[in-house]
Amino acid sequence: MFNTLRNEGLKLMLNNNPSVNKIAQVLDISLKGGEANLKILLRGETAPISLSLNYAIEGETLRISNVKTNREWLNAMAELFKDEYSKIDLRKYGKIAGIAKLLF
């Protein structure tokens, strides 16, 4: 029950974030044991993208690794940007980061 509420709360939080909302809608999200699985509909696209990744929160840093999608070109982009976005400083995101830390 808690997992379902957490996943739905996170989906709602992401979809209400202006930065996320202008490029995508999160259709589904599931977090379990350091792995996230998402289904996302990018703006202007007709078919959703499936996405999986590993995550960990270490202090004020969200670490992301092993990003995989069902689109080859997105996997190539993830590989290009993996060093830049593998560590996210949660302090930049204020209240949203605090909520995310509780949910993870």
N, C-alpha and C. Protein backbone atom coordinates (compact mmCIF):
# COMPACT_ATOMS: atom_id res chain seq x y z
N MET A 1 0.82 -1.20 0.00
CA MET A 1 0.00 0.00 0.00
C MET A 1 0.86 1.27 0.00
N PHE A 2 1.90 1.27 0.89
CA PHE A 2 2.77 2.45 0.95
C PHE A 2 3.47 2.67 -0.38
N ASN A 3 3.94 1.59 -1.02
CA ASN A 3 4.63 1.72 -2.30
C ASN A 3 3.73 2.34 -3.36
N THR A 4 2.47 1.93 -3.40
CA THR A 4 1.53 2.49 -4.37
C THR A 4 1.32 3.97 -4.11
N LEU A 5 1.12 4.34 -2.85
CA LEU A 5 0.93 5.75 -2.50
C LEU A 5 2.18 6.57 -2.82
N ARG A 6 3.35 6.00 -2.51
CA ARG A 6 4.60 6.70 -2.80
C ARG A 6 4.77 6.92 -4.29
N ASN A 7 4.52 5.89 -5.08
CA ASN A 7 4.67 6.00 -6.53
C ASN A 7 3.69 7.00 -7.11
N GLU A 8 2.44 6.97 -6.67
CA GLU A 8 1.44 7.92 -7.16
C GLU A 8 1.77 9.34 -6.73
N GLY A 9 2.26 9.50 -5.51
CA GLY A 9 2.65 10.82 -5.03
C GLY A 9 3.82 11.38 -5.82
N LEU A 10 4.79 10.53 -6.11
CA LEU A 10 5.95 10.96 -6.89
C LEU A 10 5.53 11.32 -8.31
N LYS A 11 4.64 10.53 -8.90
CA LYS A 11 4.15 10.82 -10.25
C LYS A 11 3.44 12.17 -10.27
N LEU A 12 2.60 12.43 -9.29
CA LEU A 12 1.89 13.70 -9.20
C LEU A 12 2.87 14.86 -9.02
N MET A 13 3.86 14.67 -8.15
CA MET A 13 4.85 15.72 -7.91
C MET A 13 5.63 16.04 -9.19
N LEU A 14 6.05 15.00 -9.91
CA LEU A 14 6.80 15.22 -11.15
C LEU A 14 5.94 15.90 -12.21
N ASN A 15 4.71 15.45 -12.36
CA ASN A 15 3.83 16.03 -13.39
C ASN A 15 3.44 17.47 -13.08
N ASN A 16 3.51 17.87 -11.81
CA ASN A 16 3.21 19.24 -11.44
C ASN A 16 4.45 20.14 -11.42
N ASN A 17 5.61 19.57 -11.67
CA ASN A 17 6.83 20.35 -11.74
C ASN A 17 6.90 21.01 -13.11
N PRO A 18 6.99 22.35 -13.18
CA PRO A 18 7.00 23.04 -14.47
C PRO A 18 8.11 22.58 -15.42
N SER A 19 9.28 22.24 -14.90
CA SER A 19 10.38 21.80 -15.76
C SER A 19 10.07 20.46 -16.41
N VAL A 20 9.44 19.57 -15.68
CA VAL A 20 9.06 18.27 -16.23
C VAL A 20 7.87 18.43 -17.15
N ASN A 21 6.87 19.18 -16.69
CA ASN A 21 5.61 19.31 -17.42
C ASN A 21 5.78 19.89 -18.81
N LYS A 22 6.75 20.76 -19.02
CA LYS A 22 6.89 21.36 -20.35
C LYS A 22 7.50 20.40 -21.37
N ILE A 23 8.09 19.28 -20.92
CA ILE A 23 8.68 18.35 -21.88
C ILE A 23 8.05 16.96 -21.87
N ALA A 24 7.37 16.60 -20.76
CA ALA A 24 6.87 15.23 -20.68
C ALA A 24 5.76 15.11 -19.65
N GLN A 25 5.04 14.00 -19.76
CA GLN A 25 4.07 13.61 -18.75
C GLN A 25 4.47 12.22 -18.26
N VAL A 26 4.61 12.07 -16.96
CA VAL A 26 4.93 10.76 -16.38
C VAL A 26 3.63 9.97 -16.29
N LEU A 27 3.56 8.87 -17.01
CA LEU A 27 2.35 8.03 -17.02
C LEU A 27 2.37 7.00 -15.90
N ASP A 28 3.56 6.50 -15.59
CA ASP A 28 3.68 5.48 -14.55
C ASP A 28 5.09 5.54 -13.98
N ILE A 29 5.21 5.26 -12.69
CA ILE A 29 6.51 5.20 -12.04
C ILE A 29 6.46 4.14 -10.95
N SER A 30 7.53 3.38 -10.86
CA SER A 30 7.63 2.34 -9.85
C SER A 30 9.05 2.35 -9.30
N LEU A 31 9.16 2.47 -7.99
CA LEU A 31 10.45 2.46 -7.30
C LEU A 31 10.53 1.22 -6.44
N LYS A 32 11.66 0.53 -6.54
CA LYS A 32 11.83 -0.65 -5.68
C LYS A 32 13.31 -0.98 -5.57
N GLY A 33 13.80 -0.96 -4.35
CA GLY A 33 15.17 -1.41 -4.08
C GLY A 33 16.24 -0.73 -4.89
N GLY A 34 16.14 0.59 -5.06
CA GLY A 34 17.17 1.30 -5.81
C GLY A 34 17.00 1.26 -7.32
N GLU A 35 15.88 0.73 -7.79
CA GLU A 35 15.60 0.71 -9.23
C GLU A 35 14.28 1.43 -9.49
N ALA A 36 14.28 2.24 -10.53
CA ALA A 36 13.07 2.95 -10.95
C ALA A 36 12.70 2.53 -12.36
N ASN A 37 11.41 2.33 -12.57
CA ASN A 37 10.88 2.04 -13.89
C ASN A 37 9.79 3.06 -14.16
N LEU A 38 9.89 3.71 -15.32
CA LEU A 38 8.94 4.76 -15.66
C LEU A 38 8.38 4.55 -17.06
N LYS A 39 7.20 5.09 -17.26
CA LYS A 39 6.63 5.21 -18.59
C LYS A 39 6.32 6.69 -18.76
N ILE A 40 6.91 7.30 -19.78
CA ILE A 40 6.85 8.74 -19.98
C ILE A 40 6.38 9.04 -21.40
N LEU A 41 5.50 10.02 -21.51
CA LEU A 41 5.07 10.49 -22.83
C LEU A 41 5.71 11.86 -23.06
N LEU A 42 6.65 11.93 -23.99
CA LEU A 42 7.30 13.20 -24.33
C LEU A 42 6.34 14.06 -25.13
N ARG A 43 6.38 15.36 -24.92
CA ARG A 43 5.53 16.29 -25.66
C ARG A 43 5.80 16.14 -27.15
N GLY A 44 4.72 16.08 -27.94
CA GLY A 44 4.85 15.96 -29.39
C GLY A 44 4.97 14.53 -29.88
N GLU A 45 5.11 13.57 -28.98
CA GLU A 45 5.22 12.16 -29.36
C GLU A 45 3.87 11.47 -29.16
N THR A 46 3.66 10.40 -29.90
CA THR A 46 2.41 9.65 -29.77
C THR A 46 2.55 8.39 -28.95
N ALA A 47 3.76 7.86 -28.85
CA ALA A 47 3.99 6.62 -28.09
C ALA A 47 4.86 6.91 -26.87
N PRO A 48 4.51 6.34 -25.73
CA PRO A 48 5.33 6.56 -24.53
C PRO A 48 6.67 5.85 -24.60
N ILE A 49 7.57 6.31 -23.77
CA ILE A 49 8.91 5.73 -23.65
C ILE A 49 8.98 5.00 -22.32
N SER A 50 9.53 3.80 -22.35
CA SER A 50 9.81 3.06 -21.12
C SER A 50 11.24 3.38 -20.71
N LEU A 51 11.45 3.58 -19.43
CA LEU A 51 12.74 3.99 -18.91
C LEU A 51 13.02 3.24 -17.62
N SER A 52 14.23 2.73 -17.49
CA SER A 52 14.64 2.12 -16.22
C SER A 52 15.98 2.72 -15.83
N LEU A 53 16.21 2.81 -14.53
CA LEU A 53 17.47 3.34 -14.01
C LEU A 53 17.67 2.88 -12.59
N ASN A 54 18.89 2.95 -12.15
CA ASN A 54 19.23 2.69 -10.76
C ASN A 54 19.43 4.04 -10.09
N TYR A 55 19.04 4.13 -8.80
CA TYR A 55 19.18 5.38 -8.07
C TYR A 55 19.63 5.11 -6.64
N ALA A 56 20.24 6.14 -6.06
CA ALA A 56 20.61 6.10 -4.64
C ALA A 56 20.71 7.54 -4.16
N ILE A 57 20.26 7.78 -2.95
CA ILE A 57 20.43 9.10 -2.35
C ILE A 57 21.52 8.97 -1.31
N GLU A 58 22.55 9.80 -1.49
CA GLU A 58 23.68 9.84 -0.57
C GLU A 58 23.81 11.25 -0.04
N GLY A 59 23.30 11.46 1.17
CA GLY A 59 23.29 12.80 1.74
C GLY A 59 22.38 13.70 0.94
N GLU A 60 22.94 14.73 0.32
CA GLU A 60 22.18 15.68 -0.49
C GLU A 60 22.32 15.41 -1.98
N THR A 61 22.82 14.24 -2.34
CA THR A 61 23.08 13.92 -3.75
C THR A 61 22.25 12.72 -4.19
N LEU A 62 21.57 12.87 -5.31
CA LEU A 62 20.86 11.78 -5.96
C LEU A 62 21.79 11.24 -7.04
N ARG A 63 22.12 9.96 -6.95
CA ARG A 63 22.98 9.32 -7.95
C ARG A 63 22.12 8.46 -8.86
N ILE A 64 22.33 8.63 -10.15
CA ILE A 64 21.59 7.88 -11.17
C ILE A 64 22.58 7.13 -12.03
N SER A 65 22.25 5.85 -12.31
CA SER A 65 23.13 5.05 -13.16
C SER A 65 22.30 4.04 -13.95
N ASN A 66 22.93 3.43 -14.92
CA ASN A 66 22.32 2.37 -15.74
C ASN A 66 20.99 2.78 -16.36
N VAL A 67 20.97 3.94 -16.99
CA VAL A 67 19.74 4.42 -17.64
C VAL A 67 19.55 3.66 -18.94
N LYS A 68 18.37 3.07 -19.08
CA LYS A 68 18.02 2.32 -20.30
C LYS A 68 16.60 2.69 -20.72
N THR A 69 16.40 2.83 -22.02
CA THR A 69 15.07 3.13 -22.55
C THR A 69 14.74 2.12 -23.65
N ASN A 70 13.52 2.24 -24.15
CA ASN A 70 13.12 1.37 -25.26
C ASN A 70 13.37 2.05 -26.61
N ARG A 71 14.16 3.12 -26.61
CA ARG A 71 14.52 3.82 -27.83
C ARG A 71 16.04 3.88 -27.94
N GLU A 72 16.58 3.35 -29.01
CA GLU A 72 18.04 3.28 -29.17
C GLU A 72 18.68 4.67 -29.12
N TRP A 73 18.07 5.65 -29.77
CA TRP A 73 18.66 6.99 -29.80
C TRP A 73 18.68 7.63 -28.42
N LEU A 74 17.68 7.33 -27.57
CA LEU A 74 17.70 7.87 -26.21
C LEU A 74 18.76 7.18 -25.36
N ASN A 75 19.00 5.91 -25.60
CA ASN A 75 20.08 5.22 -24.90
C ASN A 75 21.43 5.85 -25.25
N ALA A 76 21.60 6.21 -26.52
CA ALA A 76 22.84 6.86 -26.95
C ALA A 76 22.99 8.23 -26.29
N MET A 77 21.89 8.98 -26.18
CA MET A 77 21.96 10.29 -25.50
C MET A 77 22.25 10.13 -24.02
N ALA A 78 21.63 9.14 -23.39
CA ALA A 78 21.89 8.90 -21.97
C ALA A 78 23.36 8.58 -21.74
N GLU A 79 23.94 7.83 -22.64
CA GLU A 79 25.36 7.50 -22.54
C GLU A 79 26.23 8.76 -22.68
N LEU A 80 25.84 9.66 -23.58
CA LEU A 80 26.60 10.90 -23.78
C LEU A 80 26.59 11.79 -22.54
N PHE A 81 25.44 11.84 -21.86
CA PHE A 81 25.28 12.77 -20.74
C PHE A 81 25.39 12.12 -19.37
N LYS A 82 25.79 10.85 -19.33
CA LYS A 82 25.78 10.13 -18.05
C LYS A 82 26.68 10.76 -17.00
N ASP A 83 27.83 11.30 -17.38
CA ASP A 83 28.71 11.90 -16.39
C ASP A 83 28.14 13.21 -15.85
N GLU A 84 27.50 13.97 -16.72
CA GLU A 84 26.95 15.27 -16.31
C GLU A 84 25.76 15.12 -15.38
N TYR A 85 24.91 14.12 -15.62
CA TYR A 85 23.69 13.98 -14.84
C TYR A 85 23.68 12.78 -13.90
N SER A 86 24.79 12.14 -13.69
CA SER A 86 24.82 10.98 -12.80
C SER A 86 24.72 11.40 -11.33
N LYS A 87 25.09 12.63 -11.00
CA LYS A 87 25.01 13.16 -9.64
C LYS A 87 24.19 14.44 -9.68
N ILE A 88 23.09 14.45 -8.94
CA ILE A 88 22.22 15.62 -8.90
C ILE A 88 22.22 16.17 -7.48
N ASP A 89 22.59 17.44 -7.34
CA ASP A 89 22.60 18.10 -6.03
C ASP A 89 21.16 18.47 -5.67
N LEU A 90 20.59 17.77 -4.71
CA LEU A 90 19.19 17.98 -4.34
C LEU A 90 18.94 19.33 -3.67
N ARG A 91 19.97 19.96 -3.14
CA ARG A 91 19.79 21.25 -2.47
C ARG A 91 19.27 22.31 -3.44
N LYS A 92 19.49 22.12 -4.74
CA LYS A 92 19.05 23.09 -5.74
C LYS A 92 17.53 23.09 -5.90
N TYR A 93 16.86 22.05 -5.41
CA TYR A 93 15.45 21.87 -5.69
C TYR A 93 14.54 22.10 -4.50
N GLY A 94 15.05 22.66 -3.43
CA GLY A 94 14.26 23.09 -2.29
C GLY A 94 13.32 22.05 -1.73
N LYS A 95 12.04 22.43 -1.59
CA LYS A 95 11.03 21.57 -0.97
C LYS A 95 10.83 20.27 -1.73
N ILE A 96 10.91 20.33 -3.05
CA ILE A 96 10.71 19.13 -3.86
C ILE A 96 11.77 18.09 -3.51
N ALA A 97 13.00 18.54 -3.29
CA ALA A 97 14.08 17.61 -2.94
C ALA A 97 13.81 16.96 -1.58
N GLY A 98 13.31 17.74 -0.64
CA GLY A 98 12.99 17.20 0.68
C GLY A 98 11.94 16.10 0.59
N ILE A 99 10.93 16.34 -0.21
CA ILE A 99 9.87 15.34 -0.41
C ILE A 99 10.44 14.11 -1.09
N ALA A 100 11.25 14.32 -2.13
CA ALA A 100 11.85 13.20 -2.85
C ALA A 100 12.70 12.35 -1.92
N LYS A 101 13.47 12.98 -1.04
CA LYS A 101 14.32 12.22 -0.11
C LYS A 101 13.47 11.35 0.81
N LEU A 102 12.32 11.84 1.21
CA LEU A 102 11.43 11.04 2.05
C LEU A 102 10.84 9.87 1.27
N LEU A 103 10.52 10.09 0.01
CA LEU A 103 9.90 9.06 -0.81
C LEU A 103 10.86 7.96 -1.19
N PHE A 104 12.14 8.29 -1.42
CA PHE A 104 13.11 7.29 -1.81
C PHE A 104 13.55 6.53 -0.60
